[in-house]
Protein backbone atom coordinates (compact mmCIF):
# COMPACT_ATOMS: atom_id res chain seq x y z
CA MET A 1 -62.87 -36.61 80.50
CA LYS A 2 -61.46 -33.35 79.11
CA LYS A 3 -60.15 -32.30 82.54
CA LEU A 4 -58.37 -35.61 83.01
CA LEU A 5 -56.87 -35.38 79.54
CA LYS A 6 -55.58 -31.86 80.19
CA ILE A 7 -53.96 -32.97 83.46
CA PHE A 8 -52.31 -35.88 81.69
CA LEU A 9 -51.01 -33.63 78.91
CA CYS A 10 -49.55 -31.16 81.40
CA VAL A 11 -47.70 -33.95 83.23
CA CYS A 12 -46.36 -35.27 79.93
CA LEU A 13 -45.22 -31.79 78.95
CA VAL A 14 -42.81 -31.69 81.90
CA PHE A 15 -41.03 -34.74 80.51
CA VAL A 16 -41.24 -33.52 76.93
CA THR A 17 -39.60 -30.21 77.77
CA ILE A 18 -36.65 -32.08 79.27
CA THR A 19 -36.26 -34.86 76.74
CA PHE A 20 -37.35 -33.40 73.42
CA THR A 21 -33.96 -34.00 71.80
CA GLY A 22 -35.40 -34.15 68.29
CA CYS A 23 -36.36 -30.48 68.27
CA LYS A 24 -34.11 -27.61 67.31
CA ASN A 25 -32.79 -25.07 69.80
CA ASP A 26 -33.27 -21.39 69.08
CA GLU A 27 -29.70 -20.11 69.22
CA GLN A 28 -30.60 -16.72 70.64
CA THR A 29 -33.24 -17.63 73.24
CA SER A 30 -32.36 -21.28 73.96
CA THR A 31 -36.07 -22.14 73.77
CA LYS A 32 -37.14 -25.27 71.95
CA SER A 33 -38.62 -25.01 68.49
CA ILE A 34 -40.87 -27.61 66.92
CA LYS A 35 -41.85 -27.72 63.26
CA ILE A 36 -45.01 -29.65 62.48
CA LEU A 37 -46.03 -30.78 59.01
CA GLY A 38 -49.53 -31.98 58.13
CA LEU A 39 -50.18 -34.40 55.28
CA GLY A 40 -53.36 -36.09 54.20
CA ASP A 41 -56.96 -35.73 53.13
CA SER A 42 -59.99 -33.64 54.07
CA ILE A 43 -59.76 -34.63 57.75
CA SER A 44 -56.28 -33.14 57.94
CA ALA A 45 -57.28 -30.16 55.81
CA GLY A 46 -60.18 -29.42 58.15
CA TYR A 47 -62.91 -29.65 55.53
CA ALA A 48 -66.44 -28.75 56.58
CA PRO A 49 -69.66 -28.10 54.62
CA GLN A 50 -71.42 -24.76 54.52
CA ASP A 51 -73.35 -23.58 57.57
CA THR A 52 -70.94 -25.30 59.97
CA ASP A 53 -68.57 -23.81 62.51
CA LEU A 54 -65.46 -24.96 60.62
CA HIS A 55 -66.42 -23.90 57.10
CA GLU A 56 -65.04 -20.35 57.09
CA PHE A 57 -61.63 -21.54 58.28
CA TYR A 58 -61.52 -24.23 55.61
CA GLN A 59 -62.51 -21.75 52.90
CA LYS A 60 -59.60 -19.48 53.80
CA TYR A 61 -57.25 -22.45 53.52
CA ILE A 62 -58.42 -23.70 50.11
CA ASN A 63 -58.50 -20.12 48.81
CA LYS A 64 -54.82 -19.91 49.84
CA GLU A 65 -55.50 -16.95 52.13
CA VAL A 66 -53.67 -18.89 54.86
CA LYS A 67 -51.06 -21.66 54.72
CA ILE A 68 -52.95 -23.90 57.12
CA ASN A 69 -56.51 -24.13 58.40
CA GLU A 70 -56.46 -22.41 61.79
CA LYS A 71 -58.83 -25.00 63.25
CA CYS A 72 -57.46 -28.20 61.73
CA PHE A 73 -55.92 -30.66 64.18
CA THR A 74 -52.33 -30.10 62.95
CA LYS A 75 -52.56 -26.37 63.65
CA LEU A 76 -54.19 -27.03 67.03
CA ILE A 77 -51.28 -29.31 67.94
CA SER A 78 -48.87 -26.50 67.04
CA ASN A 79 -50.90 -24.03 69.11
CA TYR A 80 -50.64 -26.34 72.12
CA TYR A 81 -46.84 -26.40 71.96
CA SER A 82 -46.66 -22.65 71.31
CA ALA A 83 -48.59 -22.14 74.53
CA ASN A 84 -46.29 -24.51 76.43
CA GLN A 85 -42.69 -23.30 76.23
CA PHE A 86 -42.05 -24.02 72.55
CA THR A 87 -41.68 -21.94 69.43
CA SER A 88 -43.92 -23.91 67.12
CA THR A 89 -44.83 -23.60 63.45
CA ALA A 90 -47.20 -25.67 61.33
CA THR A 91 -47.41 -26.25 57.59
CA SER A 92 -50.01 -28.27 55.69
CA TYR A 93 -50.17 -29.98 52.31
CA ALA A 94 -53.48 -31.70 53.08
CA ASN A 95 -56.17 -31.64 50.44
CA SER A 96 -59.79 -32.79 50.40
CA GLY A 97 -60.34 -35.92 48.37
CA ASP A 98 -56.74 -37.11 48.47
CA ASP A 99 -56.05 -40.81 48.72
CA THR A 100 -52.63 -42.43 49.01
CA SER A 101 -51.94 -42.16 45.29
CA ASP A 102 -52.52 -38.41 45.44
CA LEU A 103 -50.08 -38.13 48.32
CA VAL A 104 -47.52 -40.19 46.39
CA GLU A 105 -47.95 -37.86 43.43
CA LYS A 106 -47.24 -34.85 45.63
CA LEU A 107 -44.15 -36.47 47.11
CA ASN A 108 -42.79 -37.13 43.62
CA ASN A 109 -43.85 -33.84 42.03
CA LYS A 110 -41.08 -31.33 42.67
CA LYS A 111 -42.43 -28.96 40.02
CA ASN A 112 -45.80 -28.35 41.68
CA TYR A 113 -44.61 -28.92 45.25
CA PRO A 114 -41.06 -27.56 45.24
CA ASP A 115 -40.83 -27.11 49.02
CA LEU A 116 -42.47 -30.32 50.19
CA LEU A 117 -39.38 -32.53 50.47
CA LEU A 118 -37.48 -29.75 52.24
CA ASP A 119 -40.39 -29.27 54.66
CA ILE A 120 -40.32 -33.01 55.36
CA LYS A 121 -36.57 -32.86 55.96
CA ASN A 122 -36.94 -29.95 58.38
CA ALA A 123 -39.98 -31.28 60.24
CA ASP A 124 -39.81 -32.51 63.83
CA VAL A 125 -43.31 -33.99 63.77
CA ILE A 126 -45.34 -35.12 60.76
CA THR A 127 -49.06 -35.84 61.12
CA VAL A 128 -50.69 -38.11 58.55
CA SER A 129 -54.38 -38.70 57.86
CA ILE A 130 -54.72 -40.76 54.69
CA GLY A 131 -56.52 -43.86 53.47
CA ALA A 132 -60.23 -43.13 53.94
CA ASN A 133 -60.65 -42.09 50.31
CA ASN A 134 -59.03 -45.28 49.08
CA ILE A 135 -62.32 -46.90 50.11
CA LEU A 136 -64.96 -44.21 50.56
CA LYS A 137 -64.49 -42.68 47.10
CA TYR A 138 -66.09 -45.83 45.69
CA VAL A 139 -69.04 -45.45 48.04
CA LEU A 140 -69.73 -41.89 46.91
CA THR A 141 -69.36 -42.58 43.19
CA ASN A 142 -71.47 -45.75 43.20
CA LEU A 143 -74.06 -45.15 45.92
CA ASN A 144 -76.97 -44.15 43.68
CA GLY A 145 -76.20 -46.91 41.19
CA TYR A 146 -76.07 -49.49 43.96
CA LEU A 147 -79.25 -48.33 45.70
CA SER A 148 -81.10 -48.39 42.37
CA GLY A 149 -79.90 -51.92 41.60
CA ASN A 150 -77.71 -50.99 38.64
CA ILE A 151 -74.53 -52.03 40.46
CA GLU A 152 -74.17 -55.07 42.71
CA LEU A 153 -72.24 -55.31 45.96
CA VAL A 154 -69.73 -57.78 44.53
CA GLU A 155 -68.68 -55.17 41.96
CA ILE A 156 -68.12 -52.55 44.64
CA GLU A 157 -66.16 -55.03 46.75
CA THR A 158 -63.79 -55.49 43.81
CA MET A 159 -63.23 -51.73 43.88
CA PHE A 160 -62.68 -51.80 47.66
CA GLN A 161 -60.07 -54.53 47.25
CA GLN A 162 -58.32 -52.46 44.61
CA GLY A 163 -58.32 -49.46 46.97
CA LEU A 164 -56.90 -51.58 49.79
CA GLU A 165 -54.07 -52.96 47.66
CA GLN A 166 -53.33 -49.46 46.39
CA PHE A 167 -53.09 -48.25 49.99
CA LYS A 168 -50.68 -51.02 50.96
CA ASP A 169 -48.41 -50.43 48.00
CA ASN A 170 -48.34 -46.62 48.33
CA TYR A 171 -47.87 -46.72 52.11
CA THR A 172 -44.99 -49.21 52.24
CA ASN A 173 -43.14 -48.39 49.02
CA THR A 174 -43.33 -44.60 48.87
CA ILE A 175 -45.04 -42.70 51.70
CA ILE A 176 -43.29 -44.14 54.74
CA PRO A 177 -39.83 -44.46 53.11
CA ILE A 178 -39.88 -40.77 52.13
CA LEU A 179 -41.27 -39.51 55.44
CA THR A 180 -38.67 -41.45 57.45
CA ARG A 181 -35.55 -40.45 55.50
CA ASP A 182 -34.61 -37.94 58.17
CA ASP A 183 -35.30 -37.49 61.88
CA ALA A 184 -38.97 -36.52 61.95
CA LYS A 185 -41.32 -38.48 64.14
CA VAL A 186 -44.28 -39.55 62.01
CA PHE A 187 -47.73 -39.94 63.59
CA VAL A 188 -50.29 -41.77 61.45
CA MET A 189 -53.94 -41.76 62.50
CA THR A 190 -56.21 -44.72 61.86
CA VAL A 191 -59.27 -44.23 59.65
CA TYR A 192 -62.38 -43.81 61.77
CA ASP A 193 -65.75 -45.30 60.89
CA PRO A 194 -67.91 -42.33 59.87
CA TYR A 195 -71.04 -44.48 59.71
CA GLN A 196 -71.00 -46.13 63.11
CA PHE A 197 -74.12 -44.28 64.26
CA PHE A 198 -75.54 -43.40 60.85
CA ASP A 199 -79.07 -44.83 60.61
CA LEU A 200 -81.44 -43.93 57.77
CA ASN A 201 -84.40 -44.52 60.04
CA ASP A 202 -83.28 -41.72 62.38
CA PHE A 203 -84.02 -39.08 59.75
CA LYS A 204 -87.02 -36.82 59.99
CA ALA A 205 -89.05 -37.43 56.84
CA ASN A 206 -92.55 -37.38 55.39
CA ASP A 207 -94.44 -40.61 54.78
CA PHE A 208 -93.43 -40.87 51.12
CA VAL A 209 -89.73 -40.53 51.90
CA LYS A 210 -90.02 -42.96 54.83
CA LEU A 211 -91.46 -45.52 52.44
CA TYR A 212 -88.52 -45.04 50.08
CA ILE A 213 -86.01 -45.24 52.94
CA SER A 214 -87.59 -48.49 54.04
CA SER A 215 -87.11 -49.93 50.55
CA ILE A 216 -83.38 -49.15 50.41
CA THR A 217 -82.35 -49.70 54.06
CA ASP A 218 -81.13 -53.27 53.61
CA ARG A 219 -79.01 -52.43 50.57
CA PHE A 220 -77.63 -49.31 52.23
CA ASN A 221 -76.66 -51.20 55.38
CA SER A 222 -74.98 -53.96 53.35
CA LEU A 223 -72.83 -51.38 51.59
CA LYS A 224 -72.11 -49.59 54.86
CA ASP A 225 -71.02 -52.82 56.53
CA LEU A 226 -68.73 -53.70 53.63
CA ALA A 227 -67.11 -50.25 53.66
CA ILE A 228 -66.51 -50.55 57.42
CA GLU A 229 -64.95 -53.98 56.88
CA TYR A 230 -62.43 -52.56 54.40
CA ILE A 231 -61.70 -49.53 56.56
CA GLY A 232 -60.89 -52.06 59.28
CA LYS A 233 -58.50 -53.83 56.91
CA ILE A 234 -56.66 -50.56 56.26
CA ASN A 235 -56.40 -49.92 59.99
CA SER A 236 -55.13 -53.45 60.66
CA PHE A 237 -52.47 -52.92 58.02
CA ILE A 238 -51.40 -49.56 59.49
CA LYS A 239 -51.02 -51.15 62.92
CA SER A 240 -49.10 -54.14 61.56
CA GLN A 241 -46.40 -52.05 59.89
CA ILE A 242 -43.54 -51.38 62.29
CA TYR A 243 -41.05 -48.65 61.41
CA GLN A 244 -38.60 -46.63 63.43
CA ASN A 245 -40.03 -43.19 64.23
CA VAL A 246 -43.53 -44.09 62.98
CA PHE A 247 -46.32 -44.15 65.57
CA VAL A 248 -50.03 -44.90 65.32
CA VAL A 249 -52.67 -42.58 66.75
CA ASP A 250 -55.65 -44.90 67.05
CA VAL A 251 -58.49 -42.46 66.43
CA GLU A 252 -60.73 -45.24 65.15
CA ALA A 253 -60.53 -47.22 68.40
CA LYS A 254 -61.22 -44.11 70.50
CA PHE A 255 -64.28 -43.18 68.45
CA LYS A 256 -65.56 -46.76 68.54
CA SER A 257 -65.57 -46.65 72.35
CA MET A 258 -67.94 -43.66 72.37
CA THR A 259 -71.66 -43.72 72.91
CA LYS A 260 -73.95 -42.36 70.23
CA ASP A 261 -74.54 -39.15 72.20
CA GLU A 262 -70.79 -38.61 72.75
CA PHE A 263 -70.11 -39.19 69.08
CA ASN A 264 -72.82 -36.82 67.87
CA GLN A 265 -72.26 -34.10 70.45
CA ASN A 266 -68.45 -34.05 70.64
CA ILE A 267 -67.24 -35.07 67.19
CA PHE A 268 -69.89 -34.66 64.48
CA ALA A 269 -73.15 -32.90 63.83
CA ASP A 270 -76.12 -34.94 65.08
CA SER A 271 -77.39 -37.02 62.13
CA SER A 272 -80.81 -37.42 63.78
CA GLN A 273 -81.45 -33.76 62.89
CA ILE A 274 -81.63 -34.52 59.15
CA GLU A 275 -84.92 -33.61 57.53
CA ILE A 276 -85.82 -35.19 54.18
CA ASN A 277 -89.08 -34.11 52.59
CA SER A 278 -88.35 -34.19 48.86
CA GLN A 279 -86.33 -35.91 46.17
CA GLU A 280 -84.03 -32.88 46.18
CA ASP A 281 -83.32 -33.42 49.86
CA LEU A 282 -82.42 -37.02 49.09
CA ASP A 283 -80.19 -36.06 46.17
CA ASN A 284 -78.37 -33.52 48.34
CA LEU A 285 -78.09 -35.78 51.38
CA ALA A 286 -74.29 -36.03 51.10
CA PHE A 287 -74.08 -32.22 51.36
CA ASN A 288 -76.33 -31.98 54.40
CA LYS A 289 -74.26 -30.80 57.36
CA TYR A 290 -75.89 -33.42 59.57
CA ALA A 291 -74.95 -36.21 57.16
CA ASP A 292 -71.37 -35.03 56.72
CA ILE A 293 -68.65 -37.46 57.78
CA HIS A 294 -66.11 -34.79 58.75
CA PRO A 295 -65.45 -33.59 62.31
CA THR A 296 -66.72 -30.30 63.69
CA ILE A 297 -64.35 -27.83 65.38
CA ASP A 298 -64.85 -29.81 68.59
CA GLY A 299 -64.03 -32.96 66.66
CA GLN A 300 -60.82 -31.47 65.29
CA GLU A 301 -59.85 -30.46 68.82
CA TYR A 302 -60.56 -33.97 70.07
CA ILE A 303 -58.35 -35.49 67.36
CA ALA A 304 -55.63 -32.93 68.12
CA ASN A 305 -55.66 -33.98 71.78
CA LEU A 306 -55.28 -37.65 70.79
CA PHE A 307 -52.22 -36.70 68.72
CA ILE A 308 -50.79 -34.56 71.52
CA GLU A 309 -51.23 -37.40 74.00
CA LYS A 310 -49.33 -39.77 71.68
CA ILE A 311 -46.64 -37.22 70.79
CA ASN A 312 -46.00 -36.44 74.46
CA GLN A 313 -45.85 -40.14 75.27
CA VAL A 314 -43.29 -40.78 72.52
CA LEU A 315 -41.15 -37.74 73.26
CA SER A 316 -41.14 -38.32 77.02
CA GLN A 317 -39.57 -41.72 76.35
CA ALA A 318 -36.77 -40.22 74.25
CA LYS A 319 -33.47 -40.25 76.10
C-alpha cells in the first residue's frame, strides 16, 4: 500500500510543480515556495504519552524549544515538499485539548497571538484538525461518574449535543470565514473514531479486574457507541459544508476501512497489550500508552500522506 501511495504522490507532484499557481516564487532562484500553517488540537500538535516514540518531539514543542513538532503531520507535509522541488516552511498553533471554541479564541486574540492572522494571510496551505474535543472532553470528564452510576447516559448526550452545536457555530461563523479571507487552500481532516477497535475484554488482567471489567462493559460500550455517533455527526457536518478553497481530508473513512491489525500496527499502539492488575492501573488507564487515542509516529506519517494526496489532487487541478 505504501509503495502504491508513493508512486501516486510522485505522479501528482509532476502536475503540482507545473500548476501550483497559489504558491509564491522565490525571486532569486525561481523555485516555488510553500508556506504551511497547522491549526488544531493534540492530533495536529503531535501529542503522545510518555514511553512512546513521539513523546520527545512533542515535549520539545510544548516547551517552546521548537516552533513545530518535527514529527507532527503538518511538519511531515512540509518536509515532503522540501524534498520535492519546493522551498517549504511550516508553522503550528496547535495545542492539546483545544476544541473549536479554543481555536476561535486564538483567532480573535491578537494580544496573545499577534502573528496568527498574518500567518494565515501568508499561508499557501492550512491544515486543520479540530472537533474531537468538542465531544471527547465530555467522555474524559464524566467516564468514572458514568461507570459508577452517578451520571446517566442521557445527561452525557445533552453535553454531546451542546458540543456538536458549538462546533457548528464556531466552524461556520468564525473559523472558516477567517481562514478563507485570503488565498490559502484549507484542508480540514475528519475526526477519526479512536475507539473502533477498543475492547475492554482484550486487556490482560487478573481475575478480580476481569470481574470488574465484566460489570462495566455494557455501560462502557453504550457510552462509546454514543460518542462515535456524535463524532459521526461532526464529520457529516464537515462534509456538508461547501466553501471555495476548503477541502476535506477524510481520515475517518480511511481508518474505518482498516482491519484491526492494520489499525493497531500502523496507526496506534496495540491496545491488546494493556495489563491491568490493580485499581491504580485502572485509574491510570487513560495514561497507558496502549490505551492512548493519539497516533504514533507511523500514524502521523500516515495522516500526512493522506493530506499530501489530497493537496496534490487539488493543486494538480488548478489552472
